[in-house]
PDB file of all heavy atoms in Angstrom:
ATOM      1  N   ASN A   1      11.973  81.197   5.915  1.00  0.00           N
ATOM      2  CA  ASN A   1      12.122  82.287   4.946  1.00  0.00           C
ATOM      3  C   ASN A   1      11.154  82.147   3.779  1.00  0.00           C
ATOM      4  O   ASN A   1      10.590  83.145   3.307  1.00  0.00           O
ATOM      5  CB  ASN A   1      13.562  82.360   4.430  1.00  0.00           C
ATOM      6  CG  ASN A   1      14.530  82.831   5.487  1.00  0.00           C
ATOM      7  OD1 ASN A   1      14.163  83.556   6.412  1.00  0.00           O
ATOM      8  ND2 ASN A   1      15.774  82.414   5.383  1.00  0.00           N
ATOM      9  N   ILE A   2      10.955  80.925   3.326  1.00  0.00           N
ATOM     10  CA  ILE A   2      10.011  80.676   2.227  1.00  0.00           C
ATOM     11  C   ILE A   2       8.596  81.059   2.653  1.00  0.00           C
ATOM     12  O   ILE A   2       7.867  81.727   1.917  1.00  0.00           O
ATOM     13  CB  ILE A   2      10.068  79.200   1.766  1.00  0.00           C
ATOM     14  CG1 ILE A   2      11.428  78.896   1.123  1.00  0.00           C
ATOM     15  CG2 ILE A   2       8.931  78.883   0.809  1.00  0.00           C
ATOM     16  CD1 ILE A   2      11.700  77.407   0.924  1.00  0.00           C
ATOM     17  N   LEU A   3       8.213  80.635   3.863  1.00  0.00           N
ATOM     18  CA  LEU A   3       6.872  80.964   4.359  1.00  0.00           C
ATOM     19  C   LEU A   3       6.673  82.474   4.445  1.00  0.00           C
ATOM     20  O   LEU A   3       5.620  82.991   4.053  1.00  0.00           O
ATOM     21  CB  LEU A   3       6.628  80.317   5.721  1.00  0.00           C
ATOM     22  CG  LEU A   3       6.558  78.793   5.751  1.00  0.00           C
ATOM     23  CD1 LEU A   3       6.401  78.292   7.179  1.00  0.00           C
ATOM     24  CD2 LEU A   3       5.427  78.280   4.871  1.00  0.00           C
ATOM     25  N   LYS A   4       7.688  83.176   4.952  1.00  0.00           N
ATOM     26  CA  LYS A   4       7.595  84.643   5.041  1.00  0.00           C
ATOM     27  C   LYS A   4       7.441  85.262   3.662  1.00  0.00           C
ATOM     28  O   LYS A   4       6.613  86.152   3.461  1.00  0.00           O
ATOM     29  CB  LYS A   4       8.826  85.219   5.743  1.00  0.00           C
ATOM     30  CG  LYS A   4       8.840  84.989   7.225  1.00  0.00           C
ATOM     31  CD  LYS A   4      10.116  85.503   7.867  1.00  0.00           C
ATOM     32  CE  LYS A   4      10.200  85.035   9.309  1.00  0.00           C
ATOM     33  NZ  LYS A   4      11.511  85.241   9.891  1.00  0.00           N
ATOM     34  N   SER A   5       8.233  84.794   2.699  1.00  0.00           N
ATOM     35  CA  SER A   5       8.184  85.374   1.358  1.00  0.00           C
ATOM     36  C   SER A   5       6.839  85.104   0.679  1.00  0.00           C
ATOM     37  O   SER A   5       6.376  85.902  -0.134  1.00  0.00           O
ATOM     38  CB  SER A   5       9.329  84.856   0.488  1.00  0.00           C
ATOM     39  OG  SER A   5       9.107  83.514   0.118  1.00  0.00           O
ATOM     40  N   LYS A   6       6.202  83.990   1.043  1.00  0.00           N
ATOM     41  CA  LYS A   6       4.906  83.647   0.449  1.00  0.00           C
ATOM     42  C   LYS A   6       3.738  84.082   1.335  1.00  0.00           C
ATOM     43  O   LYS A   6       2.580  83.779   1.022  1.00  0.00           O
ATOM     44  CB  LYS A   6       4.840  82.152   0.158  1.00  0.00           C
ATOM     45  CG  LYS A   6       5.832  81.736  -0.929  1.00  0.00           C
ATOM     46  CD  LYS A   6       5.663  80.288  -1.310  1.00  0.00           C
ATOM     47  CE  LYS A   6       6.589  79.911  -2.438  1.00  0.00           C
ATOM     48  NZ  LYS A   6       6.073  80.222  -3.747  1.00  0.00           N
ATOM     49  N   LYS A   7       4.076  84.743   2.453  1.00  0.00           N
ATOM     50  CA  LYS A   7       3.063  85.236   3.386  1.00  0.00           C
ATOM     51  C   LYS A   7       2.128  84.120   3.886  1.00  0.00           C
ATOM     52  O   LYS A   7       0.910  84.279   3.937  1.00  0.00           O
ATOM     53  CB  LYS A   7       2.270  86.391   2.771  1.00  0.00           C
ATOM     54  CG  LYS A   7       3.135  87.604   2.465  1.00  0.00           C
ATOM     55  CD  LYS A   7       2.324  88.719   1.864  1.00  0.00           C
ATOM     56  CE  LYS A   7       3.068  90.008   1.628  1.00  0.00           C
ATOM     57  NZ  LYS A   7       4.424  90.020   1.286  1.00  0.00           N
ATOM     58  N   ILE A   8       2.751  82.997   4.244  1.00  0.00           N
ATOM     59  CA  ILE A   8       2.021  81.866   4.812  1.00  0.00           C
ATOM     60  C   ILE A   8       2.387  81.770   6.283  1.00  0.00           C
ATOM     61  O   ILE A   8       3.567  81.751   6.629  1.00  0.00           O
ATOM     62  CB  ILE A   8       2.368  80.553   4.082  1.00  0.00           C
ATOM     63  CG1 ILE A   8       1.957  80.641   2.610  1.00  0.00           C
ATOM     64  CG2 ILE A   8       1.690  79.354   4.755  1.00  0.00           C
ATOM     65  CD1 ILE A   8       2.404  79.460   1.768  1.00  0.00           C
ATOM     66  N   THR A   9       1.385  81.721   7.152  1.00  0.00           N
ATOM     67  CA  THR A   9       1.632  81.679   8.591  1.00  0.00           C
ATOM     68  C   THR A   9       1.706  80.244   9.100  1.00  0.00           C
ATOM     69  O   THR A   9       1.248  79.304   8.431  1.00  0.00           O
ATOM     70  CB  THR A   9       0.513  82.406   9.358  1.00  0.00           C
ATOM     71  OG1 THR A   9      -0.717  81.664   9.185  1.00  0.00           O
ATOM     72  CG2 THR A   9       0.338  83.843   8.880  1.00  0.00           C
ATOM     73  N   VAL A  10       2.254  80.088  10.295  1.00  0.00           N
ATOM     74  CA  VAL A  10       2.293  78.782  10.953  1.00  0.00           C
ATOM     75  C   VAL A  10       0.865  78.285  11.159  1.00  0.00           C
ATOM     76  O   VAL A  10       0.568  77.107  10.942  1.00  0.00           O
ATOM     77  CB  VAL A  10       3.056  78.871  12.294  1.00  0.00           C
ATOM     78  CG1 VAL A  10       2.873  77.605  13.113  1.00  0.00           C
ATOM     79  CG2 VAL A  10       4.530  79.142  12.048  1.00  0.00           C
ATOM     80  N   LYS A  11      -0.022  79.173  11.550  1.00  0.00           N
ATOM     81  CA  LYS A  11      -1.428  78.818  11.763  1.00  0.00           C
ATOM     82  C   LYS A  11      -2.056  78.267  10.476  1.00  0.00           C
ATOM     83  O   LYS A  11      -2.776  77.262  10.505  1.00  0.00           O
ATOM     84  CB  LYS A  11      -2.200  80.045  12.257  1.00  0.00           C
ATOM     85  CG  LYS A  11      -3.670  79.821  12.485  1.00  0.00           C
ATOM     86  CD  LYS A  11      -3.918  79.032  13.732  1.00  0.00           C
ATOM     87  CE  LYS A  11      -5.405  78.974  14.037  1.00  0.00           C
ATOM     88  NZ  LYS A  11      -5.695  77.924  14.995  1.00  0.00           N
ATOM     89  N   GLN A  12      -1.752  78.898   9.348  1.00  0.00           N
ATOM     90  CA  GLN A  12      -2.281  78.411   8.071  1.00  0.00           C
ATOM     91  C   GLN A  12      -1.744  77.019   7.749  1.00  0.00           C
ATOM     92  O   GLN A  12      -2.500  76.146   7.317  1.00  0.00           O
ATOM     93  CB  GLN A  12      -1.938  79.391   6.949  1.00  0.00           C
ATOM     94  CG  GLN A  12      -2.727  80.677   7.016  1.00  0.00           C
ATOM     95  CD  GLN A  12      -2.208  81.717   6.036  1.00  0.00           C
ATOM     96  OE1 GLN A  12      -1.000  81.884   5.866  1.00  0.00           O
ATOM     97  NE2 GLN A  12      -3.120  82.418   5.388  1.00  0.00           N
ATOM     98  N   LEU A  13      -0.430  76.814   7.956  1.00  0.00           N
ATOM     99  CA  LEU A  13       0.145  75.482   7.718  1.00  0.00           C
ATOM    100  C   LEU A  13      -0.477  74.446   8.640  1.00  0.00           C
ATOM    101  O   LEU A  13      -0.806  73.340   8.212  1.00  0.00           O
ATOM    102  CB  LEU A  13       1.660  75.493   7.926  1.00  0.00           C
ATOM    103  CG  LEU A  13       2.550  75.768   6.736  1.00  0.00           C
ATOM    104  CD1 LEU A  13       3.996  75.481   7.081  1.00  0.00           C
ATOM    105  CD2 LEU A  13       2.151  75.020   5.497  1.00  0.00           C
ATOM    106  N   GLN A  14      -0.635  74.819   9.896  1.00  0.00           N
ATOM    107  CA  GLN A  14      -1.254  73.920  10.870  1.00  0.00           C
ATOM    108  C   GLN A  14      -2.624  73.466  10.360  1.00  0.00           C
ATOM    109  O   GLN A  14      -2.943  72.274  10.386  1.00  0.00           O
ATOM    110  CB  GLN A  14      -1.401  74.633  12.210  1.00  0.00           C
ATOM    111  CG  GLN A  14      -2.165  73.849  13.247  1.00  0.00           C
ATOM    112  CD  GLN A  14      -2.543  74.682  14.460  1.00  0.00           C
ATOM    113  OE1 GLN A  14      -1.966  75.732  14.715  1.00  0.00           O
ATOM    114  NE2 GLN A  14      -3.522  74.233  15.205  1.00  0.00           N
ATOM    115  N   GLU A  15      -3.410  74.405   9.866  1.00  0.00           N
ATOM    116  CA  GLU A  15      -4.745  74.075   9.365  1.00  0.00           C
ATOM    117  C   GLU A  15      -4.683  73.234   8.089  1.00  0.00           C
ATOM    118  O   GLU A  15      -5.435  72.265   7.937  1.00  0.00           O
ATOM    119  CB  GLU A  15      -5.540  75.359   9.127  1.00  0.00           C
ATOM    120  CG  GLU A  15      -5.895  76.067  10.421  1.00  0.00           C
ATOM    121  CD  GLU A  15      -6.486  77.457  10.212  1.00  0.00           C
ATOM    122  OE1 GLU A  15      -6.573  77.926   9.061  1.00  0.00           O
ATOM    123  OE2 GLU A  15      -6.844  78.079  11.244  1.00  0.00           O
ATOM    124  N   LEU A  16      -3.764  73.576   7.180  1.00  0.00           N
ATOM    125  CA  LEU A  16      -3.634  72.827   5.929  1.00  0.00           C
ATOM    126  C   LEU A  16      -3.229  71.370   6.170  1.00  0.00           C
ATOM    127  O   LEU A  16      -3.641  70.468   5.443  1.00  0.00           O
ATOM    128  CB  LEU A  16      -2.625  73.503   4.999  1.00  0.00           C
ATOM    129  CG  LEU A  16      -3.090  74.811   4.360  1.00  0.00           C
ATOM    130  CD1 LEU A  16      -1.918  75.540   3.725  1.00  0.00           C
ATOM    131  CD2 LEU A  16      -4.176  74.538   3.329  1.00  0.00           C
ATOM    132  N   PHE A  17      -2.411  71.157   7.212  1.00  0.00           N
ATOM    133  CA  PHE A  17      -1.972  69.803   7.539  1.00  0.00           C
ATOM    134  C   PHE A  17      -2.942  69.080   8.479  1.00  0.00           C
ATOM    135  O   PHE A  17      -2.800  67.897   8.729  1.00  0.00           O
ATOM    136  CB  PHE A  17      -0.566  69.823   8.154  1.00  0.00           C
ATOM    137  CG  PHE A  17       0.524  69.929   7.125  1.00  0.00           C
ATOM    138  CD1 PHE A  17       1.009  71.163   6.739  1.00  0.00           C
ATOM    139  CD2 PHE A  17       1.048  68.796   6.527  1.00  0.00           C
ATOM    140  CE1 PHE A  17       1.999  71.266   5.772  1.00  0.00           C
ATOM    141  CE2 PHE A  17       2.040  68.889   5.569  1.00  0.00           C
ATOM    142  CZ  PHE A  17       2.512  70.130   5.191  1.00  0.00           C
ATOM    143  N   GLY A  18      -3.899  69.826   9.024  1.00  0.00           N
ATOM    144  CA  GLY A  18      -4.874  69.218   9.931  1.00  0.00           C
ATOM    145  C   GLY A  18      -4.309  68.903  11.301  1.00  0.00           C
ATOM    146  O   GLY A  18      -4.820  68.017  12.000  1.00  0.00           O
ATOM    147  N   PHE A  19      -3.263  69.632  11.695  1.00  0.00           N
ATOM    148  CA  PHE A  19      -2.674  69.434  13.022  1.00  0.00           C
ATOM    149  C   PHE A  19      -3.531  70.144  14.070  1.00  0.00           C
ATOM    150  O   PHE A  19      -3.967  71.272  13.853  1.00  0.00           O
ATOM    151  CB  PHE A  19      -1.248  70.003  13.092  1.00  0.00           C
ATOM    152  CG  PHE A  19      -0.259  69.354  12.171  1.00  0.00           C
ATOM    153  CD1 PHE A  19       0.801  70.082  11.665  1.00  0.00           C
ATOM    154  CD2 PHE A  19      -0.362  68.021  11.808  1.00  0.00           C
ATOM    155  CE1 PHE A  19       1.737  69.505  10.816  1.00  0.00           C
ATOM    156  CE2 PHE A  19       0.563  67.427  10.966  1.00  0.00           C
ATOM    157  CZ  PHE A  19       1.619  68.180  10.471  1.00  0.00           C
ATOM    158  N   GLU A  20      -3.727  69.489  15.207  1.00  0.00           N
ATOM    159  CA  GLU A  20      -4.499  70.103  16.284  1.00  0.00           C
ATOM    160  C   GLU A  20      -3.723  71.272  16.904  1.00  0.00           C
ATOM    161  O   GLU A  20      -4.318  72.287  17.277  1.00  0.00           O
ATOM    162  CB  GLU A  20      -4.824  69.064  17.353  1.00  0.00           C
ATOM    163  CG  GLU A  20      -5.782  69.574  18.411  1.00  0.00           C
ATOM    164  CD  GLU A  20      -6.235  68.481  19.364  1.00  0.00           C
ATOM    165  OE1 GLU A  20      -5.928  67.295  19.150  1.00  0.00           O
ATOM    166  OE2 GLU A  20      -6.893  68.842  20.351  1.00  0.00           O
ATOM    167  N   TYR A  21      -2.417  71.118  17.004  1.00  0.00           N
ATOM    168  CA  TYR A  21      -1.552  72.144  17.595  1.00  0.00           C
ATOM    169  C   TYR A  21      -0.421  72.485  16.623  1.00  0.00           C
ATOM    170  O   TYR A  21      -0.045  71.653  15.795  1.00  0.00           O
ATOM    171  CB  TYR A  21      -0.953  71.645  18.920  1.00  0.00           C
ATOM    172  CG  TYR A  21      -2.008  71.270  19.936  1.00  0.00           C
ATOM    173  CD1 TYR A  21      -2.315  69.937  20.184  1.00  0.00           C
ATOM    174  CD2 TYR A  21      -2.707  72.256  20.625  1.00  0.00           C
ATOM    175  CE1 TYR A  21      -3.290  69.583  21.102  1.00  0.00           C
ATOM    176  CE2 TYR A  21      -3.690  71.922  21.552  1.00  0.00           C
ATOM    177  CZ  TYR A  21      -3.979  70.590  21.785  1.00  0.00           C
ATOM    178  OH  TYR A  21      -4.951  70.256  22.691  1.00  0.00           O
ATOM    179  N   PRO A  22       0.174  73.674  16.749  1.00  0.00           N
ATOM    180  CA  PRO A  22       1.213  74.095  15.810  1.00  0.00           C
ATOM    181  C   PRO A  22       2.614  73.563  16.122  1.00  0.00           C
ATOM    182  O   PRO A  22       3.548  73.855  15.394  1.00  0.00           O
ATOM    183  CB  PRO A  22       1.181  75.619  15.921  1.00  0.00           C
ATOM    184  CG  PRO A  22       0.788  75.870  17.339  1.00  0.00           C
ATOM    185  CD  PRO A  22      -0.211  74.771  17.652  1.00  0.00           C
ATOM    186  N   GLN A  23       2.777  72.782  17.171  1.00  0.00           N
ATOM    187  CA  GLN A  23       4.117  72.353  17.600  1.00  0.00           C
ATOM    188  C   GLN A  23       4.895  71.636  16.505  1.00  0.00           C
ATOM    189  O   GLN A  23       6.109  71.806  16.396  1.00  0.00           O
ATOM    190  CB  GLN A  23       4.047  71.468  18.858  1.00  0.00           C
ATOM    191  CG  GLN A  23       3.894  72.236  20.132  1.00  0.00           C
ATOM    192  CD  GLN A  23       2.455  72.667  20.406  1.00  0.00           C
ATOM    193  OE1 GLN A  23       1.544  72.411  19.624  1.00  0.00           O
ATOM    194  NE2 GLN A  23       2.247  73.339  21.524  1.00  0.00           N
ATOM    195  N   ALA A  24       4.230  70.825  15.698  1.00  0.00           N
ATOM    196  CA  ALA A  24       4.942  70.094  14.639  1.00  0.00           C
ATOM    197  C   ALA A  24       5.564  71.081  13.656  1.00  0.00           C
ATOM    198  O   ALA A  24       6.728  70.918  13.263  1.00  0.00           O
ATOM    199  CB  ALA A  24       3.999  69.149  13.904  1.00  0.00           C
ATOM    200  N   VAL A  25       4.817  72.109  13.283  1.00  0.00           N
ATOM    201  CA  VAL A  25       5.339  73.101  12.343  1.00  0.00           C
ATOM    202  C   VAL A  25       6.505  73.853  12.978  1.00  0.00           C
ATOM    203  O   VAL A  25       7.546  74.048  12.348  1.00  0.00           O
ATOM    204  CB  VAL A  25       4.235  74.087  11.893  1.00  0.00           C
ATOM    205  CG1 VAL A  25       4.809  75.147  10.959  1.00  0.00           C
ATOM    206  CG2 VAL A  25       3.092  73.341  11.212  1.00  0.00           C
ATOM    207  N   TYR A  26       6.357  74.265  14.231  1.00  0.00           N
ATOM    208  CA  TYR A  26       7.459  74.961  14.913  1.00  0.00           C
ATOM    209  C   TYR A  26       8.686  74.057  15.031  1.00  0.00           C
ATOM    210  O   TYR A  26       9.822  74.533  14.925  1.00  0.00           O
ATOM    211  CB  TYR A  26       7.030  75.451  16.302  1.00  0.00           C
ATOM    212  CG  TYR A  26       6.167  76.679  16.254  1.00  0.00           C
ATOM    213  CD1 TYR A  26       4.868  76.653  16.746  1.00  0.00           C
ATOM    214  CD2 TYR A  26       6.640  77.875  15.719  1.00  0.00           C
ATOM    215  CE1 TYR A  26       4.059  77.791  16.704  1.00  0.00           C
ATOM    216  CE2 TYR A  26       5.843  79.012  15.668  1.00  0.00           C
ATOM    217  CZ  TYR A  26       4.558  78.952  16.169  1.00  0.00           C
ATOM    218  OH  TYR A  26       3.769  80.078  16.121  1.00  0.00           O
ATOM    219  N   SER A  27       8.467  72.778  15.238  1.00  0.00           N
ATOM    220  CA  SER A  27       9.581  71.829  15.322  1.00  0.00           C
ATOM    221  C   SER A  27      10.341  71.770  14.000  1.00  0.00           C
ATOM    222  O   SER A  27      11.572  71.693  13.983  1.00  0.00           O
ATOM    223  CB  SER A  27       9.043  70.454  15.711  1.00  0.00           C
ATOM    224  OG  SER A  27      10.091  69.562  15.934  1.00  0.00           O
ATOM    225  N   TRP A  28       9.608  71.823  12.872  1.00  0.00           N
ATOM    226  CA  TRP A  28      10.260  71.871  11.558  1.00  0.00           C
ATOM    227  C   TRP A  28      11.057  73.160  11.412  1.00  0.00           C
ATOM    228  O   TRP A  28      12.198  73.138  10.970  1.00  0.00           O
ATOM    229  CB  TRP A  28       9.237  71.825  10.436  1.00  0.00           C
ATOM    230  CG  TRP A  28       8.359  70.628  10.367  1.00  0.00           C
ATOM    231  CD1 TRP A  28       8.552  69.416  10.986  1.00  0.00           C
ATOM    232  CD2 TRP A  28       7.132  70.510   9.641  1.00  0.00           C
ATOM    233  NE1 TRP A  28       7.520  68.565  10.674  1.00  0.00           N
ATOM    234  CE2 TRP A  28       6.643  69.211   9.860  1.00  0.00           C
ATOM    235  CE3 TRP A  28       6.418  71.379   8.833  1.00  0.00           C
ATOM    236  CZ2 TRP A  28       5.450  68.764   9.283  1.00  0.00           C
ATOM    237  CZ3 TRP A  28       5.239  70.939   8.260  1.00  0.00           C
ATOM    238  CH2 TRP A  28       4.764  69.642   8.490  1.00  0.00           C
ATOM    239  N   LEU A  29      10.438  74.280  11.782  1.00  0.00           N
ATOM    240  CA  LEU A  29      11.080  75.585  11.595  1.00  0.00           C
ATOM    241  C   LEU A  29      12.321  75.748  12.456  1.00  0.00           C
ATOM    242  O   LEU A  29      13.258  76.455  12.076  1.00  0.00           O
ATOM    243  CB  LEU A  29      10.078  76.716  11.873  1.00  0.00           C
ATOM    244  CG  LEU A  29       8.850  76.761  10.957  1.00  0.00           C
ATOM    245  CD1 LEU A  29       7.917  77.883  11.390  1.00  0.00           C
ATOM    246  CD2 LEU A  29       9.249  76.921   9.501  1.00  0.00           C
ATOM    247  N   ASN A  30      12.320  75.100  13.622  1.00  0.00           N
ATOM    248  CA  ASN A  30      13.476  75.180  14.522  1.00  0.00           C
ATOM    249  C   ASN A  30      14.523  74.109  14.233  1.00  0.00           C
ATOM    250  O   ASN A  30      15.573  74.083  14.871  1.00  0.00           O
ATOM    251  CB  ASN A  30      13.018  75.079  15.976  1.00  0.00           C
ATOM    252  CG  ASN A  30      12.218  76.287  16.397  1.00  0.00           C
ATOM    253  OD1 ASN A  30      12.530  77.415  16.006  1.00  0.00           O
ATOM    254  ND2 ASN A  30      11.179  76.082  17.177  1.00  0.00           N
ATOM    255  N   GLY A  31      14.233  73.217  13.292  1.00  0.00           N
ATOM    256  CA  GLY A  31      15.194  72.186  12.923  1.00  0.00           C
ATOM    257  C   GLY A  31      15.287  71.044  13.909  1.00  0.00           C
ATOM    258  O   GLY A  31      16.221  70.251  13.855  1.00  0.00           O
ATOM    259  N   ARG A  32      14.323  70.942  14.818  1.00  0.00           N
ATOM    260  CA  ARG A  32      14.332  69.821  15.769  1.00  0.00           C
ATOM    261  C   ARG A  32      13.916  68.530  15.074  1.00  0.00           C
ATOM    262  O   ARG A  32      14.381  67.448  15.427  1.00  0.00           O
ATOM    263  CB  ARG A  32      13.423  70.118  16.961  1.00  0.00           C
ATOM    264  CG  ARG A  32      14.004  71.142  17.923  1.00  0.00           C
ATOM    265  CD  ARG A  32      13.220  71.215  19.223  1.00  0.00           C
ATOM    266  NE  ARG A  32      11.809  71.536  19.018  1.00  0.00           N
ATOM    267  CZ  ARG A  32      11.309  72.766  18.988  1.00  0.00           C
ATOM    268  NH1 ARG A  32      12.101  73.806  19.148  1.00  0.00           N
ATOM    269  NH2 ARG A  32      10.017  72.960  18.805  1.00  0.00           N
ATOM    270  N   THR A  33      12.989  68.655  14.118  1.00  0.00           N
ATOM    271  CA  THR A  33      12.568  67.500  13.330  1.00  0.00           C
ATOM    272  C   THR A  33      12.405  67.942  11.882  1.00  0.00           C
ATOM    273  O   THR A  33      12.346  69.135  11.585  1.00  0.00           O
ATOM    274  CB  THR A  33      11.217  66.913  13.810  1.00  0.00           C
ATOM    275  OG1 THR A  33      10.203  67.895  13.624  1.00  0.00           O
ATOM    276  CG2 THR A  33      11.274  66.471  15.256  1.00  0.00           C
ATOM    277  N   LEU A  34      12.328  66.971  11.008  1.00  0.00           N
ATOM    278  CA  LEU A  34      12.017  67.229   9.604  1.00  0.00           C
ATOM    279  C   LEU A  34      10.633  66.651   9.315  1.00  0.00           C
ATOM    280  O   LEU A  34      10.229  65.671   9.944  1.00  0.00           O
ATOM    281  CB  LEU A  34      13.045  66.548   8.693  1.00  0.00           C
ATOM    282  CG  LEU A  34      14.441  67.131   8.720  1.00  0.00           C
ATOM    283  CD1 LEU A  34      15.411  66.192   8.018  1.00  0.00           C
ATOM    284  CD2 LEU A  34      14.452  68.503   8.052  1.00  0.00           C
ATOM    285  N   PRO A  35       9.917  67.233   8.367  1.00  0.00           N
ATOM    286  CA  PRO A  35       8.630  66.645   7.988  1.00  0.00           C
ATOM    287  C   PRO A  35       8.838  65.240   7.421  1.00  0.00           C
ATOM    288  O   PRO A  35       9.891  64.931   6.862  1.00  0.00           O
ATOM    289  CB  PRO A  35       8.118  67.589   6.891  1.00  0.00           C
ATOM    290  CG  PRO A  35       8.884  68.859   7.054  1.00  0.00           C
ATOM    291  CD  PRO A  35      10.206  68.465   7.623  1.00  0.00           C
ATOM    292  N   SER A  36       7.836  64.403   7.573  1.00  0.00           N
ATOM    293  CA  SER A  36       7.872  63.092   6.928  1.00  0.00           C
ATOM    294  C   SER A  36       7.908  63.310   5.419  1.00  0.00           C
ATOM    295  O   SER A  36       7.614  64.406   4.930  1.00  0.00           O
ATOM    296  CB  SER A  36       6.624  62.279   7.306  1.00  0.00           C
ATOM    297  OG  SER A  36       5.475  62.888   6.731  1.00  0.00           O
ATOM    298  N   ILE A  37       8.224  62.282   4.676  1.00  0.00           N
ATOM    299  CA  ILE A  37       8.277  62.425   3.218  1.00  0.00           C
ATOM    300  C   ILE A  37       6.894  62.794   2.677  1.00  0.00           C
ATOM    301  O   ILE A  37       6.785  63.605   1.745  1.00  0.00           O
ATOM    302  CB  ILE A  37       8.859  61.162   2.530  1.00  0.00           C
ATOM    303  CG1 ILE A  37       9.177  61.455   1.070  1.00  0.00           C
ATOM    304  CG2 ILE A  37       7.928  59.988   2.665  1.00  0.00           C
ATOM    305  CD1 ILE A  37      10.281  62.441   0.847  1.00  0.00           C
ATOM    306  N   ASP A  38       5.839  62.262   3.276  1.00  0.00           N
ATOM    307  CA  ASP A  38       4.478  62.633   2.864  1.00  0.00           C
ATOM    308  C   ASP A  38       4.225  64.123   3.094  1.00  0.00           C
ATOM    309  O   ASP A  38       3.651  64.802   2.249  1.00  0.00           O
ATOM    310  CB  ASP A  38       3.429  61.820   3.630  1.00  0.00           C
ATOM    311  CG  ASP A  38       3.434  60.347   3.272  1.00  0.00           C
ATOM    312  OD1 ASP A  38       3.958  59.992   2.194  1.00  0.00           O
ATOM    313  OD2 ASP A  38       2.914  59.548   4.069  1.00  0.00           O
ATOM    314  N   ASN A  39       4.662  64.605   4.255  1.00  0.00           N
ATOM    315  CA  ASN A  39       4.464  66.019   4.563  1.00  0.00           C
ATOM    316  C   ASN A  39       5.362  66.915   3.712  1.00  0.00           C
ATOM    317  O   ASN A  39       4.967  68.026   3.358  1.00  0.00           O
ATOM    318  CB  ASN A  39       4.653  66.290   6.050  1.00  0.00           C
ATOM    319  CG  ASN A  39       3.478  65.790   6.866  1.00  0.00           C
ATOM    320  OD1 ASN A  39       2.385  65.592   6.344  1.00  0.00           O
ATOM    321  ND2 ASN A  39       3.694  65.576   8.142  1.00  0.00           N
ATOM    322  N   PHE A  40       6.565  66.439   3.380  1.00  0.00           N
ATOM    323  CA  PHE A  40       7.420  67.207   2.464  1.00  0.00           C
ATOM    324  C   PHE A  40       6.742  67.341   1.102  1.00  0.00           C
ATOM    325  O   PHE A  40       6.769  68.396   0.482  1.00  0.00           O
ATOM    326  CB  PHE A  40       8.794  66.557   2.284  1.00  0.00           C
ATOM    327  CG  PHE A  40       9.889  67.239   3.054  1.00  0.00           C
ATOM    328  CD1 PHE A  40      10.676  66.530   3.932  1.00  0.00           C
ATOM    329  CD2 PHE A  40      10.140  68.599   2.899  1.00  0.00           C
ATOM    330  CE1 PHE A  40      11.683  67.149   4.646  1.00  0.00           C
ATOM    331  CE2 PHE A  40      11.144  69.226   3.599  1.00  0.00           C
ATOM    332  CZ  PHE A  40      11.911  68.502   4.478  1.00  0.00           C
ATOM    333  N   LEU A  41       6.137  66.255   0.649  1.00  0.00           N
ATOM    334  CA  LEU A  41       5.443  66.293  -0.636  1.00  0.00           C
ATOM    335  C   LEU A  41       4.283  67.287  -0.589  1.00  0.00           C
ATOM    336  O   LEU A  41       4.101  68.086  -1.512  1.00  0.00           O
ATOM    337  CB  LEU A  41       4.950  64.887  -0.993  1.00  0.00           C
ATOM    338  CG  LEU A  41       4.368  64.705  -2.382  1.00  0.00           C
ATOM    339  CD1 LEU A  41       5.367  65.121  -3.455  1.00  0.00           C
ATOM    340  CD2 LEU A  41       3.960  63.271  -2.582  1.00  0.00           C
ATOM    341  N   LYS A  42       3.539  67.264   0.502  1.00  0.00           N
ATOM    342  CA  LYS A  42       2.428  68.205   0.665  1.00  0.00           C
ATOM    343  C   LYS A  42       2.946  69.639   0.730  1.00  0.00           C
ATOM    344  O   LYS A  42       2.378  70.545   0.125  1.00  0.00           O
ATOM    345  CB  LYS A  42       1.621  67.852   1.915  1.00  0.00           C
ATOM    346  CG  LYS A  42       0.323  68.601   2.021  1.00  0.00           C
ATOM    347  CD  LYS A  42      -0.556  68.024   3.109  1.00  0.00           C
ATOM    348  CE  LYS A  42      -1.876  68.758   3.157  1.00  0.00           C
ATOM    349  NZ  LYS A  42      -2.807  68.170   4.125  1.00  0.00           N
ATOM    350  N   LEU A  43       4.053  69.857   1.465  1.00  0.00           N
ATOM    351  CA  LEU A  43       4.663  71.196   1.533  1.00  0.00           C
ATOM    352  C   LEU A  43       5.052  71.692   0.145  1.00  0.00           C
ATOM    353  O   LEU A  43       4.829  72.853  -0.184  1.00  0.00           O
ATOM    354  CB  LEU A  43       5.927  71.158   2.408  1.00  0.00           C
ATOM    355  CG  LEU A  43       5.827  71.528   3.861  1.00  0.00           C
ATOM    356  CD1 LEU A  43       7.178  71.329   4.539  1.00  0.00           C
ATOM    357  CD2 LEU A  43       5.314  72.928   4.075  1.00  0.00           C
TER     358      LEU A  43
END
């Protein structure tokens, strides 16, 4: 919901985090995993 309200896409997050694939971001959004504390800080 935050990403939608700020008009930030999964693709943009993927690029900002330097992930090769978007699966990590989708995993966060689906609640399968949580970002590491470093990634939470970056978020």
